[in-house]
Amino acid sequence: MLSRTVRLTNFVIDTVVYLVFMYFLLLLCRNIIDRESVKWISVVCYLLYYFICEYFMGQTIGKIITKSKVVSEDGERNHFFIRILGRTLMRFIPLDILSYLFTSNGFHDRISKTITVKK
C-alpha cells in the first residue's frame, strides 16, 4: 500500500489535471454550453477521467507521475470493470477524502476491493 503522502500527491495532481482540462473545455465551448449544464458536464467528465484512466491503464495522470497503479485486492481481473466503476462512484461520498485520516485506504478502496500499489 502507498503512503498517505503519495495518495495525497495523486489526488492533488489529478485534481489539477481535471481542473485544467475543464477550464479549457469550458473555454472552448463557452458559446455552446449553458451555465446550467456546466455542473452536469463537470460531474460526467470527473467520472470519465477516473473511470477511463483506472480501468484501461490502472493509472490516472497522478498515479503515472508517482509510479503507482490500481489493482484488485485479490490480483484478479475478474469483475475489474465493476470494481473500477464502484471505486469511481464512491469518490462522491462526501466523507471519502476524510476517510484517509483514520485508515490507510479510503472508502473508495475498501468498498470496491481495490488497492493502489507502487508499480
PDB file of N, CA and C in Angstrom:
ATOM      1  N   MET A   1       0.831  -1.185   0.000  1.00  0.00           N
ATOM      2  CA  MET A   1       0.000   0.000   0.000  1.00  0.00           C
ATOM      3  C   MET A   1       0.874   1.246   0.000  1.00  0.00           C
ATOM      4  N   LEU A   2       0.301   2.306  -0.487  1.00  0.00           N
ATOM      5  CA  LEU A   2       1.046   3.556  -0.594  1.00  0.00           C
ATOM      6  C   LEU A   2       0.916   4.409   0.656  1.00  0.00           C
ATOM      7  N   SER A   3       1.877   5.274   0.838  1.00  0.00           N
ATOM      8  CA  SER A   3       1.824   6.206   1.962  1.00  0.00           C
ATOM      9  C   SER A   3       0.741   7.252   1.710  1.00  0.00           C
ATOM     10  N   ARG A   4       0.345   7.903   2.767  1.00  0.00           N
ATOM     11  CA  ARG A   4      -0.659   8.964   2.648  1.00  0.00           C
ATOM     12  C   ARG A   4      -0.129  10.120   1.817  1.00  0.00           C
ATOM     13  N   THR A   5       1.174  10.357   1.888  1.00  0.00           N
ATOM     14  CA  THR A   5       1.773  11.443   1.112  1.00  0.00           C
ATOM     15  C   THR A   5       1.636  11.176  -0.386  1.00  0.00           C
ATOM     16  N   VAL A   6       1.906   9.950  -0.806  1.00  0.00           N
ATOM     17  CA  VAL A   6       1.769   9.595  -2.227  1.00  0.00           C
ATOM     18  C   VAL A   6       0.302   9.678  -2.638  1.00  0.00           C
ATOM     19  N   ARG A   7      -0.597   9.190  -1.779  1.00  0.00           N
ATOM     20  CA  ARG A   7      -2.029   9.253  -2.087  1.00  0.00           C
ATOM     21  C   ARG A   7      -2.480  10.705  -2.230  1.00  0.00           C
ATOM     22  N   LEU A   8      -2.018  11.574  -1.333  1.00  0.00           N
ATOM     23  CA  LEU A   8      -2.370  12.987  -1.404  1.00  0.00           C
ATOM     24  C   LEU A   8      -1.787  13.622  -2.666  1.00  0.00           C
ATOM     25  N   THR A   9      -0.557  13.255  -3.001  1.00  0.00           N
ATOM     26  CA  THR A   9       0.075  13.761  -4.220  1.00  0.00           C
ATOM     27  C   THR A   9      -0.735  13.345  -5.444  1.00  0.00           C
ATOM     28  N   ASN A  10      -1.158  12.086  -5.499  1.00  0.00           N
ATOM     29  CA  ASN A  10      -2.011  11.624  -6.607  1.00  0.00           C
ATOM     30  C   ASN A  10      -3.271  12.470  -6.704  1.00  0.00           C
ATOM     31  N   PHE A  11      -3.913  12.685  -5.570  1.00  0.00           N
ATOM     32  CA  PHE A  11      -5.154  13.456  -5.530  1.00  0.00           C
ATOM     33  C   PHE A  11      -4.941  14.879  -6.035  1.00  0.00           C
ATOM     34  N   VAL A  12      -3.895  15.527  -5.562  1.00  0.00           N
ATOM     35  CA  VAL A  12      -3.627  16.916  -5.961  1.00  0.00           C
ATOM     36  C   VAL A  12      -3.325  16.994  -7.457  1.00  0.00           C
ATOM     37  N   ILE A  13      -2.472  16.114  -7.958  1.00  0.00           N
ATOM     38  CA  ILE A  13      -2.136  16.118  -9.388  1.00  0.00           C
ATOM     39  C   ILE A  13      -3.390  15.865 -10.225  1.00  0.00           C
ATOM     40  N   ASP A  14      -4.176  14.850  -9.851  1.00  0.00           N
ATOM     41  CA  ASP A  14      -5.390  14.538 -10.615  1.00  0.00           C
ATOM     42  C   ASP A  14      -6.398  15.673 -10.569  1.00  0.00           C
ATOM     43  N   THR A  15      -6.491  16.342  -9.447  1.00  0.00           N
ATOM     44  CA  THR A  15      -7.410  17.484  -9.341  1.00  0.00           C
ATOM     45  C   THR A  15      -6.957  18.619 -10.248  1.00  0.00           C
ATOM     46  N   VAL A  16      -5.668  18.904 -10.260  1.00  0.00           N
ATOM     47  CA  VAL A  16      -5.137  19.961 -11.133  1.00  0.00           C
ATOM     48  C   VAL A  16      -5.358  19.596 -12.598  1.00  0.00           C
ATOM     49  N   VAL A  17      -5.073  18.352 -12.970  1.00  0.00           N
ATOM     50  CA  VAL A  17      -5.279  17.903 -14.357  1.00  0.00           C
ATOM     51  C   VAL A  17      -6.743  18.061 -14.748  1.00  0.00           C
ATOM     52  N   TYR A  18      -7.634  17.614 -13.877  1.00  0.00           N
ATOM     53  CA  TYR A  18      -9.067  17.717 -14.145  1.00  0.00           C
ATOM     54  C   TYR A  18      -9.503  19.179 -14.286  1.00  0.00           C
ATOM     55  N   LEU A  19      -9.063  20.036 -13.376  1.00  0.00           N
ATOM     56  CA  LEU A  19      -9.464  21.446 -13.427  1.00  0.00           C
ATOM     57  C   LEU A  19      -8.927  22.154 -14.666  1.00  0.00           C
ATOM     58  N   VAL A  20      -7.702  21.860 -15.047  1.00  0.00           N
ATOM     59  CA  VAL A  20      -7.134  22.456 -16.266  1.00  0.00           C
ATOM     60  C   VAL A  20      -7.908  21.975 -17.491  1.00  0.00           C
ATOM     61  N   PHE A  21      -8.203  20.676 -17.555  1.00  0.00           N
ATOM     62  CA  PHE A  21      -8.987  20.134 -18.659  1.00  0.00           C
ATOM     63  C   PHE A  21     -10.351  20.817 -18.727  1.00  0.00           C
ATOM     64  N   MET A  22     -11.033  20.925 -17.588  1.00  0.00           N
ATOM     65  CA  MET A  22     -12.361  21.541 -17.561  1.00  0.00           C
ATOM     66  C   MET A  22     -12.301  23.010 -17.957  1.00  0.00           C
ATOM     67  N   TYR A  23     -11.277  23.706 -17.522  1.00  0.00           N
ATOM     68  CA  TYR A  23     -11.121  25.111 -17.869  1.00  0.00           C
ATOM     69  C   TYR A  23     -11.062  25.275 -19.389  1.00  0.00           C
ATOM     70  N   PHE A  24     -10.205  24.481 -20.035  1.00  0.00           N
ATOM     71  CA  PHE A  24     -10.062  24.602 -21.483  1.00  0.00           C
ATOM     72  C   PHE A  24     -11.301  24.095 -22.225  1.00  0.00           C
ATOM     73  N   LEU A  25     -11.909  23.036 -21.734  1.00  0.00           N
ATOM     74  CA  LEU A  25     -13.137  22.534 -22.355  1.00  0.00           C
ATOM     75  C   LEU A  25     -14.235  23.585 -22.295  1.00  0.00           C
ATOM     76  N   LEU A  26     -14.428  24.176 -21.141  1.00  0.00           N
ATOM     77  CA  LEU A  26     -15.476  25.188 -20.992  1.00  0.00           C
ATOM     78  C   LEU A  26     -15.135  26.465 -21.744  1.00  0.00           C
ATOM     79  N   LEU A  27     -13.866  26.778 -21.831  1.00  0.00           N
ATOM     80  CA  LEU A  27     -13.446  27.949 -22.599  1.00  0.00           C
ATOM     81  C   LEU A  27     -13.737  27.734 -24.090  1.00  0.00           C
ATOM     82  N   LEU A  28     -13.402  26.551 -24.586  1.00  0.00           N
ATOM     83  CA  LEU A  28     -13.658  26.239 -26.000  1.00  0.00           C
ATOM     84  C   LEU A  28     -15.142  26.162 -26.331  1.00  0.00           C
ATOM     85  N   CYS A  29     -15.924  25.720 -25.372  1.00  0.00           N
ATOM     86  CA  CYS A  29     -17.357  25.500 -25.607  1.00  0.00           C
ATOM     87  C   CYS A  29     -18.231  26.550 -24.942  1.00  0.00           C
ATOM     88  N   ARG A  30     -17.670  27.696 -24.603  1.00  0.00           N
ATOM     89  CA  ARG A  30     -18.421  28.701 -23.840  1.00  0.00           C
ATOM     90  C   ARG A  30     -19.674  29.199 -24.557  1.00  0.00           C
ATOM     91  N   ASN A  31     -19.682  29.169 -25.863  1.00  0.00           N
ATOM     92  CA  ASN A  31     -20.858  29.625 -26.606  1.00  0.00           C
ATOM     93  C   ASN A  31     -21.860  28.498 -26.867  1.00  0.00           C
ATOM     94  N   ILE A  32     -21.477  27.283 -26.527  1.00  0.00           N
ATOM     95  CA  ILE A  32     -22.323  26.121 -26.782  1.00  0.00           C
ATOM     96  C   ILE A  32     -22.994  25.624 -25.502  1.00  0.00           C
ATOM     97  N   ILE A  33     -22.264  25.654 -24.413  1.00  0.00           N
ATOM     98  CA  ILE A  33     -22.747  25.098 -23.148  1.00  0.00           C
ATOM     99  C   ILE A  33     -23.358  26.196 -22.288  1.00  0.00           C
ATOM    100  N   ASP A  34     -24.595  25.996 -21.859  1.00  0.00           N
ATOM    101  CA  ASP A  34     -25.224  26.979 -20.981  1.00  0.00           C
ATOM    102  C   ASP A  34     -24.780  26.732 -19.540  1.00  0.00           C
ATOM    103  N   ARG A  35     -24.937  27.720 -18.696  1.00  0.00           N
ATOM    104  CA  ARG A  35     -24.460  27.654 -17.305  1.00  0.00           C
ATOM    105  C   ARG A  35     -25.071  26.501 -16.514  1.00  0.00           C
ATOM    106  N   GLU A  36     -26.315  26.198 -16.752  1.00  0.00           N
ATOM    107  CA  GLU A  36     -26.986  25.115 -16.025  1.00  0.00           C
ATOM    108  C   GLU A  36     -26.375  23.752 -16.347  1.00  0.00           C
ATOM    109  N   SER A  37     -25.844  23.595 -17.531  1.00  0.00           N
ATOM    110  CA  SER A  37     -25.272  22.312 -17.952  1.00  0.00           C
ATOM    111  C   SER A  37     -23.849  22.099 -17.459  1.00  0.00           C
ATOM    112  N   VAL A  38     -23.188  23.160 -17.072  1.00  0.00           N
ATOM    113  CA  VAL A  38     -21.778  23.070 -16.672  1.00  0.00           C
ATOM    114  C   VAL A  38     -21.579  22.091 -15.522  1.00  0.00           C
ATOM    115  N   LYS A  39     -22.440  22.145 -14.499  1.00  0.00           N
ATOM    116  CA  LYS A  39     -22.238  21.251 -13.355  1.00  0.00           C
ATOM    117  C   LYS A  39     -22.386  19.790 -13.757  1.00  0.00           C
ATOM    118  N   TRP A  40     -23.322  19.488 -14.631  1.00  0.00           N
ATOM    119  CA  TRP A  40     -23.524  18.096 -15.059  1.00  0.00           C
ATOM    120  C   TRP A  40     -22.391  17.623 -15.960  1.00  0.00           C
ATOM    121  N   ILE A  41     -21.937  18.493 -16.817  1.00  0.00           N
ATOM    122  CA  ILE A  41     -20.802  18.160 -17.672  1.00  0.00           C
ATOM    123  C   ILE A  41     -19.557  17.944 -16.814  1.00  0.00           C
ATOM    124  N   SER A  42     -19.381  18.758 -15.786  1.00  0.00           N
ATOM    125  CA  SER A  42     -18.240  18.621 -14.873  1.00  0.00           C
ATOM    126  C   SER A  42     -18.270  17.280 -14.147  1.00  0.00           C
ATOM    127  N   VAL A  43     -19.436  16.889 -13.678  1.00  0.00           N
ATOM    128  CA  VAL A  43     -19.576  15.603 -12.968  1.00  0.00           C
ATOM    129  C   VAL A  43     -19.264  14.449 -13.914  1.00  0.00           C
ATOM    130  N   VAL A  44     -19.815  14.487 -15.121  1.00  0.00           N
ATOM    131  CA  VAL A  44     -19.591  13.416 -16.094  1.00  0.00           C
ATOM    132  C   VAL A  44     -18.105  13.339 -16.462  1.00  0.00           C
ATOM    133  N   CYS A  45     -17.470  14.470 -16.684  1.00  0.00           N
ATOM    134  CA  CYS A  45     -16.035  14.476 -17.024  1.00  0.00           C
ATOM    135  C   CYS A  45     -15.191  13.941 -15.873  1.00  0.00           C
ATOM    136  N   TYR A  46     -15.551  14.280 -14.647  1.00  0.00           N
ATOM    137  CA  TYR A  46     -14.839  13.786 -13.469  1.00  0.00           C
ATOM    138  C   TYR A  46     -14.937  12.265 -13.397  1.00  0.00           C
ATOM    139  N   LEU A  47     -16.146  11.763 -13.560  1.00  0.00           N
ATOM    140  CA  LEU A  47     -16.352  10.304 -13.549  1.00  0.00           C
ATOM    141  C   LEU A  47     -15.584   9.628 -14.679  1.00  0.00           C
ATOM    142  N   LEU A  48     -15.677  10.185 -15.864  1.00  0.00           N
ATOM    143  CA  LEU A  48     -14.997   9.587 -17.020  1.00  0.00           C
ATOM    144  C   LEU A  48     -13.480   9.609 -16.860  1.00  0.00           C
ATOM    145  N   TYR A  49     -12.944  10.700 -16.334  1.00  0.00           N
ATOM    146  CA  TYR A  49     -11.497  10.791 -16.138  1.00  0.00           C
ATOM    147  C   TYR A  49     -10.999   9.625 -15.284  1.00  0.00           C
ATOM    148  N   TYR A  50     -11.592   9.467 -14.107  1.00  0.00           N
ATOM    149  CA  TYR A  50     -11.147   8.408 -13.209  1.00  0.00           C
ATOM    150  C   TYR A  50     -11.457   7.022 -13.768  1.00  0.00           C
ATOM    151  N   PHE A  51     -12.664   6.837 -14.278  1.00  0.00           N
ATOM    152  CA  PHE A  51     -13.043   5.506 -14.745  1.00  0.00           C
ATOM    153  C   PHE A  51     -12.200   5.061 -15.937  1.00  0.00           C
ATOM    154  N   ILE A  52     -12.096   5.886 -16.948  1.00  0.00           N
ATOM    155  CA  ILE A  52     -11.352   5.505 -18.157  1.00  0.00           C
ATOM    156  C   ILE A  52      -9.872   5.264 -17.840  1.00  0.00           C
ATOM    157  N   CYS A  53      -9.268   6.174 -17.109  1.00  0.00           N
ATOM    158  CA  CYS A  53      -7.839   6.015 -16.771  1.00  0.00           C
ATOM    159  C   CYS A  53      -7.590   4.767 -15.934  1.00  0.00           C
ATOM    160  N   GLU A  54      -8.395   4.567 -14.889  1.00  0.00           N
ATOM    161  CA  GLU A  54      -8.129   3.443 -13.992  1.00  0.00           C
ATOM    162  C   GLU A  54      -8.545   2.110 -14.593  1.00  0.00           C
ATOM    163  N   TYR A  55      -9.584   2.093 -15.410  1.00  0.00           N
ATOM    164  CA  TYR A  55      -9.999   0.820 -15.993  1.00  0.00           C
ATOM    165  C   TYR A  55      -9.045   0.375 -17.098  1.00  0.00           C
ATOM    166  N   PHE A  56      -8.712   1.266 -18.001  1.00  0.00           N
ATOM    167  CA  PHE A  56      -7.895   0.872 -19.146  1.00  0.00           C
ATOM    168  C   PHE A  56      -6.394   0.849 -18.856  1.00  0.00           C
ATOM    169  N   MET A  57      -5.924   1.747 -17.985  1.00  0.00           N
ATOM    170  CA  MET A  57      -4.487   1.809 -17.727  1.00  0.00           C
ATOM    171  C   MET A  57      -4.117   1.411 -16.302  1.00  0.00           C
ATOM    172  N   GLY A  58      -5.111   1.402 -15.403  1.00  0.00           N
ATOM    173  CA  GLY A  58      -4.826   1.155 -13.991  1.00  0.00           C
ATOM    174  C   GLY A  58      -4.218   2.372 -13.313  1.00  0.00           C
ATOM    175  N   GLN A  59      -4.157   3.472 -14.044  1.00  0.00           N
ATOM    176  CA  GLN A  59      -3.488   4.673 -13.546  1.00  0.00           C
ATOM    177  C   GLN A  59      -4.166   5.938 -14.052  1.00  0.00           C
ATOM    178  N   THR A  60      -4.195   6.949 -13.198  1.00  0.00           N
ATOM    179  CA  THR A  60      -4.538   8.300 -13.627  1.00  0.00           C
ATOM    180  C   THR A  60      -3.217   9.025 -13.882  1.00  0.00           C
ATOM    181  N   ILE A  61      -3.280  10.263 -14.305  1.00  0.00           N
ATOM    182  CA  ILE A  61      -2.049  11.034 -14.537  1.00  0.00           C
ATOM    183  C   ILE A  61      -1.233  11.131 -13.239  1.00  0.00           C
ATOM    184  N   GLY A  62      -1.920  11.362 -12.133  1.00  0.00           N
ATOM    185  CA  GLY A  62      -1.233  11.429 -10.840  1.00  0.00           C
ATOM    186  C   GLY A  62      -0.510  10.137 -10.507  1.00  0.00           C
ATOM    187  N   LYS A  63      -1.160   9.016 -10.778  1.00  0.00           N
ATOM    188  CA  LYS A  63      -0.545   7.714 -10.488  1.00  0.00           C
ATOM    189  C   LYS A  63       0.620   7.423 -11.441  1.00  0.00           C
ATOM    190  N   ILE A  64       0.520   7.887 -12.665  1.00  0.00           N
ATOM    191  CA  ILE A  64       1.638   7.715 -13.607  1.00  0.00           C
ATOM    192  C   ILE A  64       2.864   8.467 -13.078  1.00  0.00           C
ATOM    193  N   ILE A  65       2.657   9.695 -12.628  1.00  0.00           N
ATOM    194  CA  ILE A  65       3.764  10.513 -12.123  1.00  0.00           C
ATOM    195  C   ILE A  65       4.380   9.912 -10.862  1.00  0.00           C
ATOM    196  N   THR A  66       3.549   9.374  -9.971  1.00  0.00           N
ATOM    197  CA  THR A  66       4.074   8.791  -8.728  1.00  0.00           C
ATOM    198  C   THR A  66       4.398   7.306  -8.861  1.00  0.00           C
ATOM    199  N   LYS A  67       4.283   6.790 -10.080  1.00  0.00           N
ATOM    200  CA  LYS A  67       4.599   5.384 -10.367  1.00  0.00           C
ATOM    201  C   LYS A  67       3.802   4.414  -9.488  1.00  0.00           C
ATOM    202  N   SER A  68       2.499   4.624  -9.480  1.00  0.00           N
ATOM    203  CA  SER A  68       1.607   3.736  -8.737  1.00  0.00           C
ATOM    204  C   SER A  68       0.447   3.340  -9.638  1.00  0.00           C
ATOM    205  N   LYS A  69      -0.303   2.318  -9.225  1.00  0.00           N
ATOM    206  CA  LYS A  69      -1.436   1.877 -10.034  1.00  0.00           C
ATOM    207  C   LYS A  69      -2.488   1.224  -9.160  1.00  0.00           C
ATOM    208  N   VAL A  70      -3.679   1.088  -9.721  1.00  0.00           N
ATOM    209  CA  VAL A  70      -4.810   0.469  -9.034  1.00  0.00           C
ATOM    210  C   VAL A  70      -4.898  -0.986  -9.459  1.00  0.00           C
ATOM    211  N   VAL A  71      -5.053  -1.869  -8.482  1.00  0.00           N
ATOM    212  CA  VAL A  71      -5.241  -3.294  -8.750  1.00  0.00           C
ATOM    213  C   VAL A  71      -6.346  -3.819  -7.841  1.00  0.00           C
ATOM    214  N   SER A  72      -6.899  -4.962  -8.199  1.00  0.00           N
ATOM    215  CA  SER A  72      -7.861  -5.633  -7.325  1.00  0.00           C
ATOM    216  C   SER A  72      -7.128  -6.162  -6.109  1.00  0.00           C
ATOM    217  N   GLU A  73      -7.813  -6.213  -4.972  1.00  0.00           N
ATOM    218  CA  GLU A  73      -7.192  -6.755  -3.754  1.00  0.00           C
ATOM    219  C   GLU A  73      -6.689  -8.177  -3.973  1.00  0.00           C
ATOM    220  N   ASP A  74      -7.457  -8.965  -4.734  1.00  0.00           N
ATOM    221  CA  ASP A  74      -7.086 -10.364  -4.956  1.00  0.00           C
ATOM    222  C   ASP A  74      -6.178 -10.543  -6.174  1.00  0.00           C
ATOM    223  N   GLY A  75      -5.845  -9.452  -6.861  1.00  0.00           N
ATOM    224  CA  GLY A  75      -4.951  -9.523  -8.014  1.00  0.00           C
ATOM    225  C   GLY A  75      -5.599 -10.021  -9.298  1.00  0.00           C
ATOM    226  N   GLU A  76      -6.871 -10.330  -9.262  1.00  0.00           N
ATOM    227  CA  GLU A  76      -7.578 -10.852 -10.437  1.00  0.00           C
ATOM    228  C   GLU A  76      -8.186  -9.722 -11.263  1.00  0.00           C
ATOM    229  N   ARG A  77      -8.381  -9.974 -12.542  1.00  0.00           N
ATOM    230  CA  ARG A  77      -9.062  -9.014 -13.421  1.00  0.00           C
ATOM    231  C   ARG A  77     -10.564  -9.302 -13.491  1.00  0.00           C
ATOM    232  N   ASN A  78     -11.009 -10.396 -12.851  1.00  0.00           N
ATOM    233  CA  ASN A  78     -12.443 -10.711 -12.825  1.00  0.00           C
ATOM    234  C   ASN A  78     -13.188  -9.576 -12.139  1.00  0.00           C
ATOM    235  N   HIS A  79     -14.248  -9.155 -12.733  1.00  0.00           N
ATOM    236  CA  HIS A  79     -15.105  -8.106 -12.182  1.00  0.00           C
ATOM    237  C   HIS A  79     -14.375  -6.774 -12.024  1.00  0.00           C
ATOM    238  N   PHE A  80     -13.267  -6.582 -12.735  1.00  0.00           N
ATOM    239  CA  PHE A  80     -12.500  -5.340 -12.605  1.00  0.00           C
ATOM    240  C   PHE A  80     -13.318  -4.139 -13.076  1.00  0.00           C
ATOM    241  N   PHE A  81     -14.122  -4.333 -14.121  1.00  0.00           N
ATOM    242  CA  PHE A  81     -14.988  -3.259 -14.623  1.00  0.00           C
ATOM    243  C   PHE A  81     -15.900  -2.765 -13.503  1.00  0.00           C
ATOM    244  N   ILE A  82     -16.561  -3.699 -12.816  1.00  0.00           N
ATOM    245  CA  ILE A  82     -17.479  -3.356 -11.737  1.00  0.00           C
ATOM    246  C   ILE A  82     -16.720  -2.710 -10.573  1.00  0.00           C
ATOM    247  N   ARG A  83     -15.558  -3.236 -10.267  1.00  0.00           N
ATOM    248  CA  ARG A  83     -14.767  -2.679  -9.161  1.00  0.00           C
ATOM    249  C   ARG A  83     -14.345  -1.243  -9.444  1.00  0.00           C
ATOM    250  N   ILE A  84     -13.876  -0.986 -10.656  1.00  0.00           N
ATOM    251  CA  ILE A  84     -13.435   0.367 -11.001  1.00  0.00           C
ATOM    252  C   ILE A  84     -14.639   1.307 -11.091  1.00  0.00           C
ATOM    253  N   LEU A  85     -15.753   0.827 -11.617  1.00  0.00           N
ATOM    254  CA  LEU A  85     -16.965   1.651 -11.645  1.00  0.00           C
ATOM    255  C   LEU A  85     -17.392   2.006 -10.224  1.00  0.00           C
ATOM    256  N   GLY A  86     -17.400   1.019  -9.337  1.00  0.00           N
ATOM    257  CA  GLY A  86     -17.739   1.273  -7.937  1.00  0.00           C
ATOM    258  C   GLY A  86     -16.758   2.223  -7.282  1.00  0.00           C
ATOM    259  N   ARG A  87     -15.488   2.013  -7.546  1.00  0.00           N
ATOM    260  CA  ARG A  87     -14.435   2.877  -6.996  1.00  0.00           C
ATOM    261  C   ARG A  87     -14.642   4.322  -7.431  1.00  0.00           C
ATOM    262  N   THR A  88     -14.971   4.497  -8.702  1.00  0.00           N
ATOM    263  CA  THR A  88     -15.190   5.834  -9.243  1.00  0.00           C
ATOM    264  C   THR A  88     -16.410   6.491  -8.604  1.00  0.00           C
ATOM    265  N   LEU A  89     -17.501   5.759  -8.488  1.00  0.00           N
ATOM    266  CA  LEU A  89     -18.718   6.313  -7.896  1.00  0.00           C
ATOM    267  C   LEU A  89     -18.542   6.625  -6.413  1.00  0.00           C
ATOM    268  N   MET A  90     -17.731   5.835  -5.719  1.00  0.00           N
ATOM    269  CA  MET A  90     -17.514   6.046  -4.288  1.00  0.00           C
ATOM    270  C   MET A  90     -16.779   7.358  -4.005  1.00  0.00           C
ATOM    271  N   ARG A  91     -16.115   7.896  -4.988  1.00  0.00           N
ATOM    272  CA  ARG A  91     -15.421   9.177  -4.802  1.00  0.00           C
ATOM    273  C   ARG A  91     -16.402  10.300  -4.483  1.00  0.00           C
ATOM    274  N   PHE A  92     -17.682  10.086  -4.781  1.00  0.00           N
ATOM    275  CA  PHE A  92     -18.687  11.108  -4.493  1.00  0.00           C
ATOM    276  C   PHE A  92     -19.233  11.021  -3.073  1.00  0.00           C
ATOM    277  N   ILE A  93     -18.794  10.047  -2.304  1.00  0.00           N
ATOM    278  CA  ILE A  93     -19.170  10.009  -0.891  1.00  0.00           C
ATOM    279  C   ILE A  93     -18.454  11.183  -0.225  1.00  0.00           C
ATOM    280  N   PRO A  94     -19.196  12.095   0.378  1.00  0.00           N
ATOM    281  CA  PRO A  94     -18.552  13.297   0.935  1.00  0.00           C
ATOM    282  C   PRO A  94     -17.443  13.004   1.941  1.00  0.00           C
ATOM    283  N   LEU A  95     -17.534  11.926   2.672  1.00  0.00           N
ATOM    284  CA  LEU A  95     -16.523  11.625   3.687  1.00  0.00           C
ATOM    285  C   LEU A  95     -15.357  10.801   3.144  1.00  0.00           C
ATOM    286  N   ASP A  96     -15.373  10.481   1.862  1.00  0.00           N
ATOM    287  CA  ASP A  96     -14.310   9.644   1.291  1.00  0.00           C
ATOM    288  C   ASP A  96     -12.932  10.253   1.515  1.00  0.00           C
ATOM    289  N   ILE A  97     -12.776  11.509   1.217  1.00  0.00           N
ATOM    290  CA  ILE A  97     -11.465  12.150   1.355  1.00  0.00           C
ATOM    291  C   ILE A  97     -11.023  12.184   2.824  1.00  0.00           C
ATOM    292  N   LEU A  98     -11.984  12.286   3.738  1.00  0.00           N
ATOM    293  CA  LEU A  98     -11.654  12.300   5.161  1.00  0.00           C
ATOM    294  C   LEU A  98     -11.328  10.910   5.703  1.00  0.00           C
ATOM    295  N   SER A  99     -11.760   9.868   4.993  1.00  0.00           N
ATOM    296  CA  SER A  99     -11.514   8.504   5.468  1.00  0.00           C
ATOM    297  C   SER A  99     -10.021   8.192   5.561  1.00  0.00           C
ATOM    298  N   TYR A 100      -9.191   8.932   4.843  1.00  0.00           N
ATOM    299  CA  TYR A 100      -7.741   8.723   4.896  1.00  0.00           C
ATOM    300  C   TYR A 100      -7.129   9.203   6.207  1.00  0.00           C
ATOM    301  N   LEU A 101      -7.870  10.011   6.954  1.00  0.00           N
ATOM    302  CA  LEU A 101      -7.356  10.465   8.252  1.00  0.00           C
ATOM    303  C   LEU A 101      -7.377   9.341   9.283  1.00  0.00           C
ATOM    304  N   PHE A 102      -8.236   8.345   9.063  1.00  0.00           N
ATOM    305  CA  PHE A 102      -8.434   7.287  10.046  1.00  0.00           C
ATOM    306  C   PHE A 102      -7.922   5.920   9.597  1.00  0.00           C
ATOM    307  N   THR A 103      -7.786   5.716   8.296  1.00  0.00           N
ATOM    308  CA  THR A 103      -7.319   4.427   7.775  1.00  0.00           C
ATOM    309  C   THR A 103      -6.332   4.665   6.642  1.00  0.00           C
ATOM    310  N   SER A 104      -5.618   3.630   6.250  1.00  0.00           N
ATOM    311  CA  SER A 104      -4.658   3.770   5.150  1.00  0.00           C
ATOM    312  C   SER A 104      -5.342   3.741   3.792  1.00  0.00           C
ATOM    313  N   ASN A 105      -6.510   3.121   3.714  1.00  0.00           N
ATOM    314  CA  ASN A 105      -7.284   3.085   2.472  1.00  0.00           C
ATOM    315  C   ASN A 105      -8.569   3.864   2.659  1.00  0.00           C
ATOM    316  N   GLY A 106      -8.964   4.583   1.613  1.00  0.00           N
ATOM    317  CA  GLY A 106     -10.205   5.334   1.673  1.00  0.00           C
ATOM    318  C   GLY A 106     -11.403   4.447   1.410  1.00  0.00           C
ATOM    319  N   PHE A 107     -12.590   5.024   1.566  1.00  0.00           N
ATOM    320  CA  PHE A 107     -13.822   4.282   1.302  1.00  0.00           C
ATOM    321  C   PHE A 107     -13.837   3.724  -0.117  1.00  0.00           C
ATOM    322  N   HIS A 108     -13.364   4.522  -1.081  1.00  0.00           N
ATOM    323  CA  HIS A 108     -13.431   4.056  -2.471  1.00  0.00           C
ATOM    324  C   HIS A 108     -12.521   2.849  -2.713  1.00  0.00           C
ATOM    325  N   ASP A 109     -11.522   2.654  -1.880  1.00  0.00           N
ATOM    326  CA  ASP A 109     -10.680   1.457  -1.969  1.00  0.00           C
ATOM    327  C   ASP A 109     -11.360   0.258  -1.306  1.00  0.00           C
ATOM    328  N   ARG A 110     -11.768   0.458  -0.075  1.00  0.00           N
ATOM    329  CA  ARG A 110     -12.335  -0.661   0.691  1.00  0.00           C
ATOM    330  C   ARG A 110     -13.629  -1.194   0.086  1.00  0.00           C
ATOM    331  N   ILE A 111     -14.518  -0.319  -0.304  1.00  0.00           N
ATOM    332  CA  ILE A 111     -15.811  -0.751  -0.833  1.00  0.00           C
ATOM    333  C   ILE A 111     -15.642  -1.465  -2.175  1.00  0.00           C
ATOM    334  N   SER A 112     -14.741  -0.966  -3.007  1.00  0.00           N
ATOM    335  CA  SER A 112     -14.541  -1.581  -4.337  1.00  0.00           C
ATOM    336  C   SER A 112     -13.569  -2.752  -4.334  1.00  0.00           C
ATOM    337  N   LYS A 113     -12.940  -3.023  -3.166  1.00  0.00           N
ATOM    338  CA  LYS A 113     -11.966  -4.101  -3.037  1.00  0.00           C
ATOM    339  C   LYS A 113     -10.788  -3.928  -4.009  1.00  0.00           C
ATOM    340  N   THR A 114     -10.302  -2.691  -4.057  1.00  0.00           N
ATOM    341  CA  THR A 114      -9.124  -2.376  -4.854  1.00  0.00           C
ATOM    342  C   THR A 114      -8.084  -1.752  -3.935  1.00  0.00           C
ATOM    343  N   ILE A 115      -6.839  -1.737  -4.398  1.00  0.00           N
ATOM    344  CA  ILE A 115      -5.772  -1.069  -3.668  1.00  0.00           C
ATOM    345  C   ILE A 115      -4.897  -0.337  -4.674  1.00  0.00           C
ATOM    346  N   THR A 116      -4.202   0.666  -4.190  1.00  0.00           N
ATOM    347  CA  THR A 116      -3.239   1.380  -5.024  1.00  0.00           C
ATOM    348  C   THR A 116      -1.847   0.990  -4.536  1.00  0.00           C
ATOM    349  N   VAL A 117      -1.024   0.516  -5.459  1.00  0.00           N
ATOM    350  CA  VAL A 117       0.294  -0.004  -5.108  1.00  0.00           C
ATOM    351  C   VAL A 117       1.361   0.668  -5.961  1.00  0.00           C
ATOM    352  N   LYS A 118       2.616   0.548  -5.509  1.00  0.00           N
ATOM    353  CA  LYS A 118       3.736   1.019  -6.325  1.00  0.00           C
ATOM    354  C   LYS A 118       3.860   0.125  -7.543  1.00  0.00           C
ATOM    355  N   LYS A 119       4.180   0.708  -8.657  1.00  0.00           N
ATOM    356  CA  LYS A 119       4.298  -0.026  -9.916  1.00  0.00           C
ATOM    357  C   LYS A 119       5.599  -0.793  -9.990  1.00  0.00           C
TER     358      LYS A 119
END
